[in-house]
């Protein structure tokens, strides 16, 4: 399933999220300092997109684990 691959959290994905958030913050500040214009792309990525992805992935992972546990109990 593609959704399982995309939304199920693993330690690798957590590190990717943390590193991409840090890189997004640094790039936003660097571009803003060099161009002297507020740059919204990396800011929106770090402030809106990454937290929404983390929230959805955590909810999906919890639901997946609960569903897996229920199936194990029913068998």
PDB file of N, CA and C in Angstrom:
ATOM      1  N   UNK A   1       0.837  -1.193   0.000  1.00  0.00           N
ATOM      2  CA  UNK A   1       0.000   0.000   0.000  1.00  0.00           C
ATOM      3  C   UNK A   1       0.877   1.249   0.000  1.00  0.00           C
ATOM      4  N   UNK A   2       0.528   2.187  -0.819  1.00  0.00           N
ATOM      5  CA  UNK A   2       1.301   3.430  -0.887  1.00  0.00           C
ATOM      6  C   UNK A   2       1.090   4.292   0.354  1.00  0.00           C
ATOM      7  N   UNK A   3      -0.122   4.306   0.905  1.00  0.00           N
ATOM      8  CA  UNK A   3      -0.354   5.125   2.099  1.00  0.00           C
ATOM      9  C   UNK A   3       0.430   4.585   3.279  1.00  0.00           C
ATOM     10  N   UNK A   4       0.560   3.274   3.366  1.00  0.00           N
ATOM     11  CA  UNK A   4       1.347   2.691   4.449  1.00  0.00           C
ATOM     12  C   UNK A   4       2.803   3.133   4.339  1.00  0.00           C
ATOM     13  N   UNK A   5       3.336   3.124   3.139  1.00  0.00           N
ATOM     14  CA  UNK A   5       4.717   3.561   2.925  1.00  0.00           C
ATOM     15  C   UNK A   5       4.887   5.053   3.200  1.00  0.00           C
ATOM     16  N   UNK A   6       3.891   5.830   2.851  1.00  0.00           N
ATOM     17  CA  UNK A   6       3.998   7.285   2.952  1.00  0.00           C
ATOM     18  C   UNK A   6       3.788   7.794   4.377  1.00  0.00           C
ATOM     19  N   UNK A   7       2.809   7.244   5.084  1.00  0.00           N
ATOM     20  CA  UNK A   7       2.409   7.831   6.359  1.00  0.00           C
ATOM     21  C   UNK A   7       2.847   7.057   7.601  1.00  0.00           C
ATOM     22  N   UNK A   8       3.288   5.822   7.465  1.00  0.00           N
ATOM     23  CA  UNK A   8       3.709   5.069   8.636  1.00  0.00           C
ATOM     24  C   UNK A   8       5.077   5.581   9.089  1.00  0.00           C
ATOM     25  N   UNK A   9       5.148   6.050  10.334  1.00  0.00           N
ATOM     26  CA  UNK A   9       6.377   6.657  10.833  1.00  0.00           C
ATOM     27  C   UNK A   9       7.435   5.611  11.150  1.00  0.00           C
ATOM     28  N   UNK A  10       8.647   5.968  10.862  1.00  0.00           N
ATOM     29  CA  UNK A  10       9.814   5.177  11.254  1.00  0.00           C
ATOM     30  C   UNK A  10      10.865   6.175  11.738  1.00  0.00           C
ATOM     31  N   UNK A  11      11.935   5.656  12.352  1.00  0.00           N
ATOM     32  CA  UNK A  11      12.976   6.557  12.827  1.00  0.00           C
ATOM     33  C   UNK A  11      13.651   7.286  11.674  1.00  0.00           C
ATOM     34  N   UNK A  12      13.743   6.620  10.534  1.00  0.00           N
ATOM     35  CA  UNK A  12      14.340   7.263   9.359  1.00  0.00           C
ATOM     36  C   UNK A  12      13.511   8.474   8.920  1.00  0.00           C
ATOM     37  N   UNK A  13      12.192   8.310   8.888  1.00  0.00           N
ATOM     38  CA  UNK A  13      11.327   9.425   8.495  1.00  0.00           C
ATOM     39  C   UNK A  13      11.365  10.554   9.517  1.00  0.00           C
ATOM     40  N   UNK A  14      11.459  10.202  10.794  1.00  0.00           N
ATOM     41  CA  UNK A  14      11.546  11.240  11.828  1.00  0.00           C
ATOM     42  C   UNK A  14      12.803  12.078  11.618  1.00  0.00           C
ATOM     43  N   UNK A  15      13.934  11.424  11.346  1.00  0.00           N
ATOM     44  CA  UNK A  15      15.177  12.169  11.099  1.00  0.00           C
ATOM     45  C   UNK A  15      15.090  12.999   9.827  1.00  0.00           C
ATOM     46  N   UNK A  16      14.439  12.471   8.801  1.00  0.00           N
ATOM     47  CA  UNK A  16      14.259  13.242   7.564  1.00  0.00           C
ATOM     48  C   UNK A  16      13.440  14.495   7.839  1.00  0.00           C
ATOM     49  N   UNK A  17      12.391  14.374   8.650  1.00  0.00           N
ATOM     50  CA  UNK A  17      11.549  15.520   8.992  1.00  0.00           C
ATOM     51  C   UNK A  17      12.352  16.551   9.783  1.00  0.00           C
ATOM     52  N   UNK A  18      13.121  16.088  10.760  1.00  0.00           N
ATOM     53  CA  UNK A  18      13.917  17.004  11.591  1.00  0.00           C
ATOM     54  C   UNK A  18      14.964  17.730  10.743  1.00  0.00           C
ATOM     55  N   UNK A  19      15.684  16.982   9.920  1.00  0.00           N
ATOM     56  CA  UNK A  19      16.730  17.596   9.091  1.00  0.00           C
ATOM     57  C   UNK A  19      16.130  18.543   8.060  1.00  0.00           C
ATOM     58  N   UNK A  20      15.017  18.137   7.430  1.00  0.00           N
ATOM     59  CA  UNK A  20      14.413  19.026   6.435  1.00  0.00           C
ATOM     60  C   UNK A  20      13.855  20.286   7.086  1.00  0.00           C
ATOM     61  N   UNK A  21      13.353  20.185   8.311  1.00  0.00           N
ATOM     62  CA  UNK A  21      12.901  21.382   9.027  1.00  0.00           C
ATOM     63  C   UNK A  21      14.055  22.321   9.319  1.00  0.00           C
ATOM     64  N   UNK A  22      15.166  21.762   9.788  1.00  0.00           N
ATOM     65  CA  UNK A  22      16.340  22.579  10.067  1.00  0.00           C
ATOM     66  C   UNK A  22      16.880  23.231   8.795  1.00  0.00           C
ATOM     67  N   UNK A  23      16.969  22.457   7.712  1.00  0.00           N
ATOM     68  CA  UNK A  23      17.459  23.000   6.437  1.00  0.00           C
ATOM     69  C   UNK A  23      16.508  24.071   5.914  1.00  0.00           C
ATOM     70  N   UNK A  24      15.205  23.856   6.074  1.00  0.00           N
ATOM     71  CA  UNK A  24      14.228  24.860   5.644  1.00  0.00           C
ATOM     72  C   UNK A  24      14.373  26.170   6.396  1.00  0.00           C
ATOM     73  N   UNK A  25      14.599  26.083   7.712  1.00  0.00           N
ATOM     74  CA  UNK A  25      14.798  27.296   8.515  1.00  0.00           C
ATOM     75  C   UNK A  25      16.063  28.031   8.078  1.00  0.00           C
ATOM     76  N   UNK A  26      17.147  27.277   7.902  1.00  0.00           N
ATOM     77  CA  UNK A  26      18.412  27.892   7.497  1.00  0.00           C
ATOM     78  C   UNK A  26      18.288  28.530   6.115  1.00  0.00           C
ATOM     79  N   UNK A  27      17.668  27.827   5.171  1.00  0.00           N
ATOM     80  CA  UNK A  27      17.509  28.390   3.820  1.00  0.00           C
ATOM     81  C   UNK A  27      16.622  29.625   3.825  1.00  0.00           C
ATOM     82  N   UNK A  28      15.546  29.596   4.620  1.00  0.00           N
ATOM     83  CA  UNK A  28      14.676  30.772   4.704  1.00  0.00           C
ATOM     84  C   UNK A  28      15.467  31.981   5.210  1.00  0.00           C
ATOM     85  N   UNK A  29      16.228  31.788   6.282  1.00  0.00           N
ATOM     86  CA  UNK A  29      17.009  32.907   6.834  1.00  0.00           C
ATOM     87  C   UNK A  29      18.124  33.344   5.887  1.00  0.00           C
ATOM     88  N   UNK A  30      18.777  32.392   5.246  1.00  0.00           N
ATOM     89  CA  UNK A  30      19.869  32.718   4.329  1.00  0.00           C
ATOM     90  C   UNK A  30      19.364  33.499   3.113  1.00  0.00           C
ATOM     91  N   UNK A  31      18.286  33.019   2.519  1.00  0.00           N
ATOM     92  CA  UNK A  31      17.738  33.711   1.340  1.00  0.00           C
ATOM     93  C   UNK A  31      17.212  35.088   1.730  1.00  0.00           C
ATOM     94  N   UNK A  32      16.553  35.180   2.891  1.00  0.00           N
ATOM     95  CA  UNK A  32      16.059  36.482   3.346  1.00  0.00           C
ATOM     96  C   UNK A  32      17.199  37.461   3.598  1.00  0.00           C
ATOM     97  N   UNK A  33      18.317  36.968   4.122  1.00  0.00           N
ATOM     98  CA  UNK A  33      19.458  37.848   4.392  1.00  0.00           C
ATOM     99  C   UNK A  33      20.169  38.266   3.114  1.00  0.00           C
ATOM    100  N   UNK A  34      20.290  37.357   2.157  1.00  0.00           N
ATOM    101  CA  UNK A  34      21.011  37.672   0.919  1.00  0.00           C
ATOM    102  C   UNK A  34      20.204  38.561  -0.020  1.00  0.00           C
ATOM    103  N   UNK A  35      18.925  38.280  -0.156  1.00  0.00           N
ATOM    104  CA  UNK A  35      18.099  39.012  -1.122  1.00  0.00           C
ATOM    105  C   UNK A  35      17.426  40.225  -0.485  1.00  0.00           C
ATOM    106  N   UNK A  36      17.347  40.234   0.843  1.00  0.00           N
ATOM    107  CA  UNK A  36      16.675  41.311   1.589  1.00  0.00           C
ATOM    108  C   UNK A  36      15.180  41.368   1.304  1.00  0.00           C
ATOM    109  N   UNK A  37      14.610  40.208   0.953  1.00  0.00           N
ATOM    110  CA  UNK A  37      13.175  40.094   0.705  1.00  0.00           C
ATOM    111  C   UNK A  37      12.694  38.865   1.460  1.00  0.00           C
ATOM    112  N   UNK A  38      11.535  38.981   2.106  1.00  0.00           N
ATOM    113  CA  UNK A  38      10.991  37.818   2.807  1.00  0.00           C
ATOM    114  C   UNK A  38      10.609  36.744   1.793  1.00  0.00           C
ATOM    115  N   UNK A  39      11.068  35.564   2.036  1.00  0.00           N
ATOM    116  CA  UNK A  39      10.879  34.436   1.134  1.00  0.00           C
ATOM    117  C   UNK A  39       9.899  33.466   1.803  1.00  0.00           C
ATOM    118  N   UNK A  40       8.714  33.233   1.217  1.00  0.00           N
ATOM    119  CA  UNK A  40       7.682  32.466   1.916  1.00  0.00           C
ATOM    120  C   UNK A  40       7.737  30.945   1.733  1.00  0.00           C
ATOM    121  N   UNK A  41       8.437  30.426   0.756  1.00  0.00           N
ATOM    122  CA  UNK A  41       8.357  29.001   0.425  1.00  0.00           C
ATOM    123  C   UNK A  41       8.888  28.138   1.569  1.00  0.00           C
ATOM    124  N   UNK A  42      10.105  28.371   1.999  1.00  0.00           N
ATOM    125  CA  UNK A  42      10.688  27.551   3.058  1.00  0.00           C
ATOM    126  C   UNK A  42      10.006  27.815   4.401  1.00  0.00           C
ATOM    127  N   UNK A  43       9.540  29.037   4.603  1.00  0.00           N
ATOM    128  CA  UNK A  43       8.819  29.361   5.830  1.00  0.00           C
ATOM    129  C   UNK A  43       7.525  28.562   5.915  1.00  0.00           C
ATOM    130  N   UNK A  44       6.758  28.532   4.830  1.00  0.00           N
ATOM    131  CA  UNK A  44       5.507  27.769   4.796  1.00  0.00           C
ATOM    132  C   UNK A  44       5.787  26.282   4.942  1.00  0.00           C
ATOM    133  N   UNK A  45       6.858  25.810   4.327  1.00  0.00           N
ATOM    134  CA  UNK A  45       7.233  24.405   4.437  1.00  0.00           C
ATOM    135  C   UNK A  45       7.476  24.019   5.892  1.00  0.00           C
ATOM    136  N   UNK A  46       8.238  24.830   6.607  1.00  0.00           N
ATOM    137  CA  UNK A  46       8.612  24.502   7.986  1.00  0.00           C
ATOM    138  C   UNK A  46       7.463  24.750   8.957  1.00  0.00           C
ATOM    139  N   UNK A  47       6.697  25.799   8.762  1.00  0.00           N
ATOM    140  CA  UNK A  47       5.683  26.177   9.738  1.00  0.00           C
ATOM    141  C   UNK A  47       4.343  25.479   9.513  1.00  0.00           C
ATOM    142  N   UNK A  48       4.005  25.148   8.266  1.00  0.00           N
ATOM    143  CA  UNK A  48       2.685  24.587   7.979  1.00  0.00           C
ATOM    144  C   UNK A  48       2.761  23.150   7.466  1.00  0.00           C
ATOM    145  N   UNK A  49       3.535  22.896   6.440  1.00  0.00           N
ATOM    146  CA  UNK A  49       3.520  21.594   5.771  1.00  0.00           C
ATOM    147  C   UNK A  49       4.105  20.486   6.649  1.00  0.00           C
ATOM    148  N   UNK A  50       5.278  20.689   7.207  1.00  0.00           N
ATOM    149  CA  UNK A  50       5.896  19.647   8.031  1.00  0.00           C
ATOM    150  C   UNK A  50       5.075  19.302   9.276  1.00  0.00           C
ATOM    151  N   UNK A  51       4.564  20.278  10.027  1.00  0.00           N
ATOM    152  CA  UNK A  51       3.726  19.897  11.180  1.00  0.00           C
ATOM    153  C   UNK A  51       2.453  19.152  10.793  1.00  0.00           C
ATOM    154  N   UNK A  52       1.825  19.532   9.687  1.00  0.00           N
ATOM    155  CA  UNK A  52       0.622  18.816   9.242  1.00  0.00           C
ATOM    156  C   UNK A  52       0.983  17.381   8.867  1.00  0.00           C
ATOM    157  N   UNK A  53       2.104  17.192   8.170  1.00  0.00           N
ATOM    158  CA  UNK A  53       2.533  15.844   7.810  1.00  0.00           C
ATOM    159  C   UNK A  53       2.815  15.014   9.060  1.00  0.00           C
ATOM    160  N   UNK A  54       3.492  15.598  10.043  1.00  0.00           N
ATOM    161  CA  UNK A  54       3.795  14.874  11.279  1.00  0.00           C
ATOM    162  C   UNK A  54       2.512  14.487  11.998  1.00  0.00           C
ATOM    163  N   UNK A  55       1.563  15.402  12.094  1.00  0.00           N
ATOM    164  CA  UNK A  55       0.290  15.118  12.750  1.00  0.00           C
ATOM    165  C   UNK A  55      -0.459  13.983  12.060  1.00  0.00           C
ATOM    166  N   UNK A  56      -0.555  14.041  10.746  1.00  0.00           N
ATOM    167  CA  UNK A  56      -1.245  12.995   9.993  1.00  0.00           C
ATOM    168  C   UNK A  56      -0.503  11.665  10.126  1.00  0.00           C
ATOM    169  N   UNK A  57       0.815  11.688  10.060  1.00  0.00           N
ATOM    170  CA  UNK A  57       1.595  10.456  10.166  1.00  0.00           C
ATOM    171  C   UNK A  57       1.468   9.834  11.552  1.00  0.00           C
ATOM    172  N   UNK A  58       1.446  10.637  12.601  1.00  0.00           N
ATOM    173  CA  UNK A  58       1.288  10.102  13.950  1.00  0.00           C
ATOM    174  C   UNK A  58      -0.095   9.478  14.116  1.00  0.00           C
ATOM    175  N   UNK A  59      -1.127  10.153  13.659  1.00  0.00           N
ATOM    176  CA  UNK A  59      -2.487   9.613  13.751  1.00  0.00           C
ATOM    177  C   UNK A  59      -2.597   8.320  12.942  1.00  0.00           C
ATOM    178  N   UNK A  60      -2.040   8.302  11.739  1.00  0.00           N
ATOM    179  CA  UNK A  60      -2.079   7.105  10.909  1.00  0.00           C
ATOM    180  C   UNK A  60      -1.313   5.958  11.566  1.00  0.00           C
ATOM    181  N   UNK A  61      -0.149   6.250  12.133  1.00  0.00           N
ATOM    182  CA  UNK A  61       0.652   5.206  12.778  1.00  0.00           C
ATOM    183  C   UNK A  61      -0.065   4.623  13.992  1.00  0.00           C
ATOM    184  N   UNK A  62      -0.686   5.476  14.787  1.00  0.00           N
ATOM    185  CA  UNK A  62      -1.429   4.992  15.951  1.00  0.00           C
ATOM    186  C   UNK A  62      -2.623   4.148  15.505  1.00  0.00           C
ATOM    187  N   UNK A  63      -3.360   4.619  14.512  1.00  0.00           N
ATOM    188  CA  UNK A  63      -4.505   3.851  14.014  1.00  0.00           C
ATOM    189  C   UNK A  63      -4.055   2.518  13.423  1.00  0.00           C
ATOM    190  N   UNK A  64      -2.936   2.519  12.724  1.00  0.00           N
ATOM    191  CA  UNK A  64      -2.402   1.286  12.141  1.00  0.00           C
ATOM    192  C   UNK A  64      -2.021   0.287  13.228  1.00  0.00           C
ATOM    193  N   UNK A  65      -1.349   0.755  14.279  1.00  0.00           N
ATOM    194  CA  UNK A  65      -0.960  -0.130  15.375  1.00  0.00           C
ATOM    195  C   UNK A  65      -2.175  -0.671  16.125  1.00  0.00           C
ATOM    196  N   UNK A  66      -3.178   0.164  16.360  1.00  0.00           N
ATOM    197  CA  UNK A  66      -4.400  -0.290  17.030  1.00  0.00           C
ATOM    198  C   UNK A  66      -5.114  -1.324  16.171  1.00  0.00           C
ATOM    199  N   UNK A  67      -5.240  -1.051  14.881  1.00  0.00           N
ATOM    200  CA  UNK A  67      -5.897  -1.990  13.970  1.00  0.00           C
ATOM    201  C   UNK A  67      -5.144  -3.318  13.925  1.00  0.00           C
ATOM    202  N   UNK A  68      -3.832  -3.253  13.914  1.00  0.00           N
ATOM    203  CA  UNK A  68      -3.000  -4.456  13.895  1.00  0.00           C
ATOM    204  C   UNK A  68      -3.171  -5.267  15.174  1.00  0.00           C
ATOM    205  N   UNK A  69      -3.242  -4.564  16.310  1.00  0.00           N
ATOM    206  CA  UNK A  69      -3.440  -5.220  17.607  1.00  0.00           C
ATOM    207  C   UNK A  69      -4.812  -5.863  17.680  1.00  0.00           C
ATOM    208  N   UNK A  70      -5.838  -5.197  17.179  1.00  0.00           N
ATOM    209  CA  UNK A  70      -7.197  -5.747  17.192  1.00  0.00           C
ATOM    210  C   UNK A  70      -7.275  -6.991  16.323  1.00  0.00           C
ATOM    211  N   UNK A  71      -6.637  -6.979  15.165  1.00  0.00           N
ATOM    212  CA  UNK A  71      -6.636  -8.156  14.306  1.00  0.00           C
ATOM    213  C   UNK A  71      -5.922  -9.329  14.987  1.00  0.00           C
ATOM    214  N   UNK A  72      -4.862  -9.034  15.713  1.00  0.00           N
ATOM    215  CA  UNK A  72      -4.123 -10.079  16.421  1.00  0.00           C
ATOM    216  C   UNK A  72      -4.973 -10.692  17.536  1.00  0.00           C
ATOM    217  N   UNK A  73      -5.781  -9.864  18.229  1.00  0.00           N
ATOM    218  CA  UNK A  73      -6.635 -10.343  19.302  1.00  0.00           C
ATOM    219  C   UNK A  73      -7.775 -11.188  18.725  1.00  0.00           C
ATOM    220  N   UNK A  74      -8.345 -10.775  17.601  1.00  0.00           N
ATOM    221  CA  UNK A  74      -9.470 -11.501  16.992  1.00  0.00           C
ATOM    222  C   UNK A  74      -9.057 -12.870  16.494  1.00  0.00           C
ATOM    223  N   UNK A  75      -7.827 -13.047  16.112  1.00  0.00           N
ATOM    224  CA  UNK A  75      -7.377 -14.352  15.611  1.00  0.00           C
ATOM    225  C   UNK A  75      -7.194 -15.264  16.764  1.00  0.00           C
TER     226      UNK A  75
END
